[in-house]
Amino acid sequence: MAAGIAPVKVDVELARIIDHTLLKPDATIHDITRLCAEGREYGFASVCVNSAFVSICAPLLRGSEVRVCATIGFPLGAASSAAKAAETEQAIRDGANEVDMVINVGLLKSGRYDDVADDIRSVTNIARTGSALSKVILETGLLTDREKMKACLLAMEAGADFVKTSTGFGKGGATTQDIALMRRAVGSALGVEASGGIRTREDGLAMVASGANRIGASASIAVVTAGVQQPLKGT
């Protein structure tokens, strides 16, 4: 390190609960490779990618504590349950440790609750068999508070490990109010992930204070470095 240049300070504890995310449709293999290198460097919980890139990430992260998270039925959630199940199976074969599936919002809003639960279960059952964590994206910006609560209960019924706010591609993103509501709905039975629009450390800490125990962000490096006062571990 050059003389006079201070080491970058990182909120290590916050980094450990962040999914370092790259889901843009024009992301290249070079971009994905860099994402994995950043995941290792900053100690993020996982890298989150579209499922086609899992087979690239898995060998790059082998031997590290950084997990590989694949999106399922992304970003609309309107694929068939059979398609979501097949995508989940392939992602786990390719090396995914976590899967983030998007619910069928239209079915939820139509009151087809059994169908929504079955759709979620088509992914969670496979994830459990493959020892992968399952997270259910609600797309909260499209839902009423009652629908958010119901979706959380359906995810819990279907055996999910987490409920998650947003894809980042829909209307709105994570809010502290939604995180608090989701935490009330699931209690301590499930994890709650805030995703969508989290760009600063203050955003991340506010989500944690409201009940989130995982954060999804594409601006992850800024979230864990900007405004940090404590030194990087080991310095």
C-alpha atoms as a PDB file:
ATOM      1  CA  MET A   1       0.000   0.000   0.000  1.00  0.00           C
ATOM      2  CA  ALA A   2       1.344   3.416  -0.940  1.00  0.00           C
ATOM      3  CA  ALA A   3       2.514   5.670   1.907  1.00  0.00           C
ATOM      4  CA  GLY A   4      -0.115   8.088   3.156  1.00  0.00           C
ATOM      5  CA  ILE A   5      -3.094   6.090   1.830  1.00  0.00           C
ATOM      6  CA  ALA A   6      -5.313   4.845   4.643  1.00  0.00           C
ATOM      7  CA  PRO A   7      -6.859   1.386   4.350  1.00  0.00           C
ATOM      8  CA  VAL A   8     -10.500   1.285   3.345  1.00  0.00           C
ATOM      9  CA  LYS A   9     -12.665   0.789   6.415  1.00  0.00           C
ATOM     10  CA  VAL A  10     -15.385  -1.830   6.184  1.00  0.00           C
ATOM     11  CA  ASP A  11     -18.385  -2.579   8.375  1.00  0.00           C
ATOM     12  CA  VAL A  12     -17.511  -6.258   8.628  1.00  0.00           C
ATOM     13  CA  GLU A  13     -20.615  -7.255  10.574  1.00  0.00           C
ATOM     14  CA  LEU A  14     -22.919  -5.602   8.041  1.00  0.00           C
ATOM     15  CA  ALA A  15     -21.037  -7.208   5.142  1.00  0.00           C
ATOM     16  CA  ARG A  16     -21.704 -10.648   6.606  1.00  0.00           C
ATOM     17  CA  ILE A  17     -25.463 -10.282   6.072  1.00  0.00           C
ATOM     18  CA  ILE A  18     -25.380  -8.759   2.576  1.00  0.00           C
ATOM     19  CA  ASP A  19     -26.174 -10.537  -0.685  1.00  0.00           C
ATOM     20  CA  HIS A  20     -23.845  -8.840  -3.189  1.00  0.00           C
ATOM     21  CA  THR A  21     -26.158  -8.665  -6.176  1.00  0.00           C
ATOM     22  CA  LEU A  22     -25.829  -8.359  -9.941  1.00  0.00           C
ATOM     23  CA  LEU A  23     -28.995  -9.149 -11.880  1.00  0.00           C
ATOM     24  CA  LYS A  24     -28.831  -6.745 -14.840  1.00  0.00           C
ATOM     25  CA  PRO A  25     -29.756  -8.408 -18.141  1.00  0.00           C
ATOM     26  CA  ASP A  26     -26.551  -7.117 -19.767  1.00  0.00           C
ATOM     27  CA  ALA A  27     -24.186  -8.409 -17.060  1.00  0.00           C
ATOM     28  CA  THR A  28     -21.181 -10.075 -18.680  1.00  0.00           C
ATOM     29  CA  ILE A  29     -19.050 -12.973 -17.503  1.00  0.00           C
ATOM     30  CA  HIS A  30     -16.355 -10.410 -16.672  1.00  0.00           C
ATOM     31  CA  ASP A  31     -18.874  -8.563 -14.476  1.00  0.00           C
ATOM     32  CA  ILE A  32     -19.863 -11.794 -12.722  1.00  0.00           C
ATOM     33  CA  THR A  33     -16.227 -12.731 -12.145  1.00  0.00           C
ATOM     34  CA  ARG A  34     -15.580  -9.327 -10.582  1.00  0.00           C
ATOM     35  CA  LEU A  35     -18.689  -9.732  -8.405  1.00  0.00           C
ATOM     36  CA  CYS A  36     -17.264 -12.966  -6.996  1.00  0.00           C
ATOM     37  CA  ALA A  37     -13.860 -11.357  -6.353  1.00  0.00           C
ATOM     38  CA  GLU A  38     -15.608  -8.538  -4.475  1.00  0.00           C
ATOM     39  CA  GLY A  39     -17.636 -11.087  -2.537  1.00  0.00           C
ATOM     40  CA  ARG A  40     -14.413 -12.674  -1.286  1.00  0.00           C
ATOM     41  CA  GLU A  41     -12.674  -9.353  -0.645  1.00  0.00           C
ATOM     42  CA  TYR A  42     -15.445  -7.792   1.445  1.00  0.00           C
ATOM     43  CA  GLY A  43     -16.732 -10.965   3.083  1.00  0.00           C
ATOM     44  CA  PHE A  44     -20.317 -10.699   1.861  1.00  0.00           C
ATOM     45  CA  ALA A  45     -22.817 -13.397   2.817  1.00  0.00           C
ATOM     46  CA  SER A  46     -23.399 -14.355  -0.801  1.00  0.00           C
ATOM     47  CA  VAL A  47     -23.301 -13.249  -4.378  1.00  0.00           C
ATOM     48  CA  CYS A  48     -26.764 -13.199  -5.955  1.00  0.00           C
ATOM     49  CA  VAL A  49     -26.968 -13.815  -9.691  1.00  0.00           C
ATOM     50  CA  ASN A  50     -29.354 -14.985 -12.359  1.00  0.00           C
ATOM     51  CA  SER A  51     -29.346 -18.770 -12.363  1.00  0.00           C
ATOM     52  CA  ALA A  52     -27.470 -19.095 -15.671  1.00  0.00           C
ATOM     53  CA  PHE A  53     -24.345 -17.718 -13.950  1.00  0.00           C
ATOM     54  CA  VAL A  54     -24.284 -20.069 -10.958  1.00  0.00           C
ATOM     55  CA  SER A  55     -21.913 -22.482 -12.686  1.00  0.00           C
ATOM     56  CA  ILE A  56     -19.431 -19.609 -13.141  1.00  0.00           C
ATOM     57  CA  CYS A  57     -19.679 -18.389  -9.539  1.00  0.00           C
ATOM     58  CA  ALA A  58     -19.484 -21.732  -7.757  1.00  0.00           C
ATOM     59  CA  PRO A  59     -15.868 -22.606  -8.659  1.00  0.00           C
ATOM     60  CA  LEU A  60     -14.732 -19.014  -8.113  1.00  0.00           C
ATOM     61  CA  LEU A  61     -16.082 -19.047  -4.548  1.00  0.00           C
ATOM     62  CA  ARG A  62     -15.180 -22.612  -3.628  1.00  0.00           C
ATOM     63  CA  GLY A  63     -13.272 -22.700  -0.334  1.00  0.00           C
ATOM     64  CA  SER A  64     -14.635 -19.322   0.810  1.00  0.00           C
ATOM     65  CA  GLU A  65     -17.516 -18.551   3.158  1.00  0.00           C
ATOM     66  CA  VAL A  66     -19.324 -16.627   0.409  1.00  0.00           C
ATOM     67  CA  ARG A  67     -22.400 -18.491  -0.764  1.00  0.00           C
ATOM     68  CA  VAL A  68     -23.912 -18.566  -4.253  1.00  0.00           C
ATOM     69  CA  CYS A  69     -27.525 -17.407  -4.483  1.00  0.00           C
ATOM     70  CA  ALA A  70     -29.600 -17.996  -7.630  1.00  0.00           C
ATOM     71  CA  THR A  71     -32.804 -16.195  -8.578  1.00  0.00           C
ATOM     72  CA  ILE A  72     -35.765 -18.371  -9.581  1.00  0.00           C
ATOM     73  CA  GLY A  73     -38.677 -17.234 -11.743  1.00  0.00           C
ATOM     74  CA  PHE A  74     -37.048 -13.814 -11.828  1.00  0.00           C
ATOM     75  CA  PRO A  75     -38.132 -11.025 -12.010  1.00  0.00           C
ATOM     76  CA  LEU A  76     -41.884 -11.461 -12.611  1.00  0.00           C
ATOM     77  CA  GLY A  77     -42.619 -14.681 -10.737  1.00  0.00           C
ATOM     78  CA  ALA A  78     -45.123 -15.609 -13.431  1.00  0.00           C
ATOM     79  CA  ALA A  79     -43.369 -18.733 -14.712  1.00  0.00           C
ATOM     80  CA  SER A  80     -45.111 -22.049 -14.070  1.00  0.00           C
ATOM     81  CA  SER A  81     -44.356 -23.934 -10.870  1.00  0.00           C
ATOM     82  CA  ALA A  82     -42.835 -26.711 -12.973  1.00  0.00           C
ATOM     83  CA  ALA A  83     -40.475 -24.226 -14.602  1.00  0.00           C
ATOM     84  CA  LYS A  84     -39.488 -22.808 -11.209  1.00  0.00           C
ATOM     85  CA  ALA A  85     -38.859 -26.316  -9.895  1.00  0.00           C
ATOM     86  CA  ALA A  86     -36.678 -27.197 -12.881  1.00  0.00           C
ATOM     87  CA  GLU A  87     -34.712 -23.955 -12.551  1.00  0.00           C
ATOM     88  CA  THR A  88     -34.172 -24.664  -8.856  1.00  0.00           C
ATOM     89  CA  GLU A  89     -32.918 -28.193  -9.538  1.00  0.00           C
ATOM     90  CA  GLN A  90     -30.479 -26.934 -12.171  1.00  0.00           C
ATOM     91  CA  ALA A  91     -29.215 -24.097  -9.992  1.00  0.00           C
ATOM     92  CA  ILE A  92     -28.474 -26.460  -7.115  1.00  0.00           C
ATOM     93  CA  ARG A  93     -26.735 -28.912  -9.461  1.00  0.00           C
ATOM     94  CA  ASP A  94     -24.619 -25.997 -10.692  1.00  0.00           C
ATOM     95  CA  GLY A  95     -23.586 -25.116  -7.130  1.00  0.00           C
ATOM     96  CA  ALA A  96     -26.187 -22.734  -5.660  1.00  0.00           C
ATOM     97  CA  ASN A  97     -26.385 -22.720  -1.846  1.00  0.00           C
ATOM     98  CA  GLU A  98     -29.392 -20.389  -1.799  1.00  0.00           C
ATOM     99  CA  VAL A  99     -32.365 -19.759  -4.089  1.00  0.00           C
ATOM    100  CA  ASP A 100     -34.479 -16.594  -4.224  1.00  0.00           C
ATOM    101  CA  MET A 101     -37.831 -17.340  -5.840  1.00  0.00           C
ATOM    102  CA  VAL A 102     -40.418 -14.747  -6.851  1.00  0.00           C
ATOM    103  CA  ILE A 103     -44.024 -15.486  -5.922  1.00  0.00           C
ATOM    104  CA  ASN A 104     -46.788 -15.387  -8.482  1.00  0.00           C
ATOM    105  CA  VAL A 105     -48.148 -11.962  -7.568  1.00  0.00           C
ATOM    106  CA  GLY A 106     -51.214 -12.313  -9.796  1.00  0.00           C
ATOM    107  CA  LEU A 107     -52.298 -15.515  -8.073  1.00  0.00           C
ATOM    108  CA  LEU A 108     -51.860 -13.900  -4.661  1.00  0.00           C
ATOM    109  CA  LYS A 109     -53.934 -10.878  -5.639  1.00  0.00           C
ATOM    110  CA  SER A 110     -56.592 -13.215  -7.055  1.00  0.00           C
ATOM    111  CA  GLY A 111     -56.955 -14.910  -3.686  1.00  0.00           C
ATOM    112  CA  ARG A 112     -55.611 -18.240  -5.001  1.00  0.00           C
ATOM    113  CA  TYR A 113     -53.739 -18.890  -1.784  1.00  0.00           C
ATOM    114  CA  ASP A 114     -53.446 -22.665  -2.097  1.00  0.00           C
ATOM    115  CA  ASP A 115     -51.926 -22.215  -5.551  1.00  0.00           C
ATOM    116  CA  VAL A 116     -49.449 -19.638  -4.214  1.00  0.00           C
ATOM    117  CA  ALA A 117     -48.410 -21.987  -1.407  1.00  0.00           C
ATOM    118  CA  ASP A 118     -48.007 -24.864  -3.877  1.00  0.00           C
ATOM    119  CA  ASP A 119     -45.911 -22.620  -6.140  1.00  0.00           C
ATOM    120  CA  ILE A 120     -43.605 -21.715  -3.269  1.00  0.00           C
ATOM    121  CA  ARG A 121     -43.462 -25.347  -2.141  1.00  0.00           C
ATOM    122  CA  SER A 122     -42.350 -26.431  -5.622  1.00  0.00           C
ATOM    123  CA  VAL A 123     -39.117 -24.562  -4.907  1.00  0.00           C
ATOM    124  CA  THR A 124     -38.706 -24.994  -1.149  1.00  0.00           C
ATOM    125  CA  ASN A 125     -39.043 -28.786  -1.258  1.00  0.00           C
ATOM    126  CA  ILE A 126     -36.266 -29.062  -3.827  1.00  0.00           C
ATOM    127  CA  ALA A 127     -34.114 -26.533  -2.000  1.00  0.00           C
ATOM    128  CA  ARG A 128     -34.427 -28.481   1.234  1.00  0.00           C
ATOM    129  CA  THR A 129     -33.493 -31.738  -0.491  1.00  0.00           C
ATOM    130  CA  GLY A 130     -30.457 -29.992  -1.969  1.00  0.00           C
ATOM    131  CA  SER A 131     -29.454 -28.400   1.376  1.00  0.00           C
ATOM    132  CA  ALA A 132     -30.028 -24.936  -0.072  1.00  0.00           C
ATOM    133  CA  LEU A 133     -31.572 -21.972   1.729  1.00  0.00           C
ATOM    134  CA  SER A 134     -34.882 -20.812   0.215  1.00  0.00           C
ATOM    135  CA  LYS A 135     -36.006 -17.190   0.139  1.00  0.00           C
ATOM    136  CA  VAL A 136     -39.358 -15.951  -1.145  1.00  0.00           C
ATOM    137  CA  ILE A 137     -39.527 -12.550  -2.840  1.00  0.00           C
ATOM    138  CA  LEU A 138     -42.914 -10.897  -2.293  1.00  0.00           C
ATOM    139  CA  GLU A 139     -42.520  -7.795  -4.519  1.00  0.00           C
ATOM    140  CA  THR A 140     -43.976  -5.676  -1.734  1.00  0.00           C
ATOM    141  CA  GLY A 141     -44.390  -2.573  -3.912  1.00  0.00           C
ATOM    142  CA  LEU A 142     -47.279  -4.318  -5.672  1.00  0.00           C
ATOM    143  CA  LEU A 143     -49.051  -5.533  -2.538  1.00  0.00           C
ATOM    144  CA  THR A 144     -51.349  -4.144   0.128  1.00  0.00           C
ATOM    145  CA  ASP A 145     -50.334  -4.626   3.755  1.00  0.00           C
ATOM    146  CA  ARG A 146     -52.894  -7.421   4.059  1.00  0.00           C
ATOM    147  CA  GLU A 147     -51.418  -9.151   0.999  1.00  0.00           C
ATOM    148  CA  LYS A 148     -47.900  -8.785   2.386  1.00  0.00           C
ATOM    149  CA  MET A 149     -48.972 -10.418   5.636  1.00  0.00           C
ATOM    150  CA  LYS A 150     -50.740 -13.220   3.784  1.00  0.00           C
ATOM    151  CA  ALA A 151     -47.740 -13.837   1.531  1.00  0.00           C
ATOM    152  CA  CYS A 152     -45.483 -14.115   4.570  1.00  0.00           C
ATOM    153  CA  LEU A 153     -47.808 -16.673   6.157  1.00  0.00           C
ATOM    154  CA  LEU A 154     -47.976 -18.674   2.919  1.00  0.00           C
ATOM    155  CA  ALA A 155     -44.179 -18.685   2.631  1.00  0.00           C
ATOM    156  CA  MET A 156     -43.934 -19.927   6.216  1.00  0.00           C
ATOM    157  CA  GLU A 157     -46.558 -22.615   5.540  1.00  0.00           C
ATOM    158  CA  ALA A 158     -44.661 -23.737   2.436  1.00  0.00           C
ATOM    159  CA  GLY A 159     -41.380 -24.223   4.310  1.00  0.00           C
ATOM    160  CA  ALA A 160     -39.373 -21.197   3.185  1.00  0.00           C
ATOM    161  CA  ASP A 161     -36.377 -20.031   5.206  1.00  0.00           C
ATOM    162  CA  PHE A 162     -36.723 -16.295   4.449  1.00  0.00           C
ATOM    163  CA  VAL A 163     -39.181 -13.776   3.113  1.00  0.00           C
ATOM    164  CA  LYS A 164     -37.723 -10.962   1.019  1.00  0.00           C
ATOM    165  CA  THR A 165     -39.173  -7.621  -0.026  1.00  0.00           C
ATOM    166  CA  SER A 166     -38.388  -6.935  -3.661  1.00  0.00           C
ATOM    167  CA  THR A 167     -36.696  -7.894  -6.912  1.00  0.00           C
ATOM    168  CA  GLY A 168     -35.391  -4.371  -7.482  1.00  0.00           C
ATOM    169  CA  PHE A 169     -37.112  -4.475 -10.880  1.00  0.00           C
ATOM    170  CA  GLY A 170     -40.656  -3.780  -9.737  1.00  0.00           C
ATOM    171  CA  LYS A 171     -42.523  -0.837  -8.279  1.00  0.00           C
ATOM    172  CA  GLY A 172     -40.734   0.439  -5.184  1.00  0.00           C
ATOM    173  CA  GLY A 173     -38.208  -1.317  -2.983  1.00  0.00           C
ATOM    174  CA  ALA A 174     -37.584  -2.109   0.645  1.00  0.00           C
ATOM    175  CA  THR A 175     -39.016   0.144   3.346  1.00  0.00           C
ATOM    176  CA  THR A 176     -38.536  -0.018   7.081  1.00  0.00           C
ATOM    177  CA  GLN A 177     -42.311  -0.218   7.471  1.00  0.00           C
ATOM    178  CA  ASP A 178     -42.513  -3.308   5.282  1.00  0.00           C
ATOM    179  CA  ILE A 179     -39.613  -4.953   7.096  1.00  0.00           C
ATOM    180  CA  ALA A 180     -41.313  -4.362  10.449  1.00  0.00           C
ATOM    181  CA  LEU A 181     -44.595  -5.743   9.088  1.00  0.00           C
ATOM    182  CA  MET A 182     -42.909  -8.851   7.668  1.00  0.00           C
ATOM    183  CA  ARG A 183     -41.048  -9.459  10.920  1.00  0.00           C
ATOM    184  CA  ARG A 184     -44.330  -9.256  12.824  1.00  0.00           C
ATOM    185  CA  ALA A 185     -45.874 -11.741  10.403  1.00  0.00           C
ATOM    186  CA  VAL A 186     -43.171 -14.406  10.666  1.00  0.00           C
ATOM    187  CA  GLY A 187     -41.841 -13.728  14.164  1.00  0.00           C
ATOM    188  CA  SER A 188     -38.595 -15.598  14.703  1.00  0.00           C
ATOM    189  CA  ALA A 189     -39.638 -18.535  12.506  1.00  0.00           C
ATOM    190  CA  LEU A 190     -38.201 -17.111   9.266  1.00  0.00           C
ATOM    191  CA  GLY A 191     -35.512 -14.686   8.244  1.00  0.00           C
ATOM    192  CA  VAL A 192     -36.468 -11.349   6.698  1.00  0.00           C
ATOM    193  CA  GLU A 193     -34.463  -9.823   3.847  1.00  0.00           C
ATOM    194  CA  ALA A 194     -34.586  -6.202   2.746  1.00  0.00           C
ATOM    195  CA  SER A 195     -33.823  -5.677  -0.935  1.00  0.00           C
ATOM    196  CA  GLY A 196     -34.448  -2.967  -3.481  1.00  0.00           C
ATOM    197  CA  GLY A 197     -33.141   0.586  -3.220  1.00  0.00           C
ATOM    198  CA  ILE A 198     -30.623   0.057  -0.403  1.00  0.00           C
ATOM    199  CA  ARG A 199     -27.687   2.268  -1.361  1.00  0.00           C
ATOM    200  CA  THR A 200     -26.113   3.567   1.853  1.00  0.00           C
ATOM    201  CA  ARG A 201     -24.901   2.238   5.186  1.00  0.00           C
ATOM    202  CA  GLU A 202     -27.668   4.249   6.857  1.00  0.00           C
ATOM    203  CA  ASP A 203     -30.240   2.459   4.677  1.00  0.00           C
ATOM    204  CA  GLY A 204     -28.815  -0.920   5.661  1.00  0.00           C
ATOM    205  CA  LEU A 205     -28.667  -0.173   9.377  1.00  0.00           C
ATOM    206  CA  ALA A 206     -32.241   1.146   9.329  1.00  0.00           C
ATOM    207  CA  MET A 207     -33.425  -2.109   7.776  1.00  0.00           C
ATOM    208  CA  VAL A 208     -31.601  -4.146  10.414  1.00  0.00           C
ATOM    209  CA  ALA A 209     -33.097  -2.004  13.173  1.00  0.00           C
ATOM    210  CA  SER A 210     -36.561  -2.689  11.734  1.00  0.00           C
ATOM    211  CA  GLY A 211     -36.096  -6.462  11.766  1.00  0.00           C
ATOM    212  CA  ALA A 212     -34.065  -7.500   8.703  1.00  0.00           C
ATOM    213  CA  ASN A 213     -31.347 -10.096   9.164  1.00  0.00           C
ATOM    214  CA  ARG A 214     -30.270 -10.167   5.525  1.00  0.00           C
ATOM    215  CA  ILE A 215     -29.884  -7.380   2.960  1.00  0.00           C
ATOM    216  CA  GLY A 216     -29.797  -7.618  -0.811  1.00  0.00           C
ATOM    217  CA  ALA A 217     -27.969  -4.815  -2.594  1.00  0.00           C
ATOM    218  CA  SER A 218     -26.109  -4.047  -5.788  1.00  0.00           C
ATOM    219  CA  ALA A 219     -24.479  -1.026  -4.085  1.00  0.00           C
ATOM    220  CA  SER A 220     -23.015  -3.363  -1.448  1.00  0.00           C
ATOM    221  CA  ILE A 221     -19.519  -1.885  -1.375  1.00  0.00           C
ATOM    222  CA  ALA A 222     -20.833   1.624  -0.746  1.00  0.00           C
ATOM    223  CA  VAL A 223     -23.169   0.244   1.939  1.00  0.00           C
ATOM    224  CA  VAL A 224     -20.320  -1.339   3.918  1.00  0.00           C
ATOM    225  CA  THR A 225     -17.681   1.373   3.437  1.00  0.00           C
ATOM    226  CA  ALA A 226     -19.272   4.831   3.379  1.00  0.00           C
ATOM    227  CA  GLY A 227     -19.207   6.556   6.749  1.00  0.00           C
ATOM    228  CA  VAL A 228     -17.609   3.650   8.605  1.00  0.00           C
ATOM    229  CA  GLN A 229     -15.664   4.717  11.682  1.00  0.00           C
ATOM    230  CA  GLN A 230     -14.258   1.457  13.014  1.00  0.00           C
ATOM    231  CA  PRO A 231     -11.104   0.041  11.382  1.00  0.00           C
ATOM    232  CA  LEU A 232     -11.083  -2.992   9.155  1.00  0.00           C
ATOM    233  CA  LYS A 233     -10.447  -6.149  11.184  1.00  0.00           C
ATOM    234  CA  GLY A 234      -6.780  -6.921  11.417  1.00  0.00           C
ATOM    235  CA  THR A 235      -5.637  -3.307  10.903  1.00  0.00           C
END
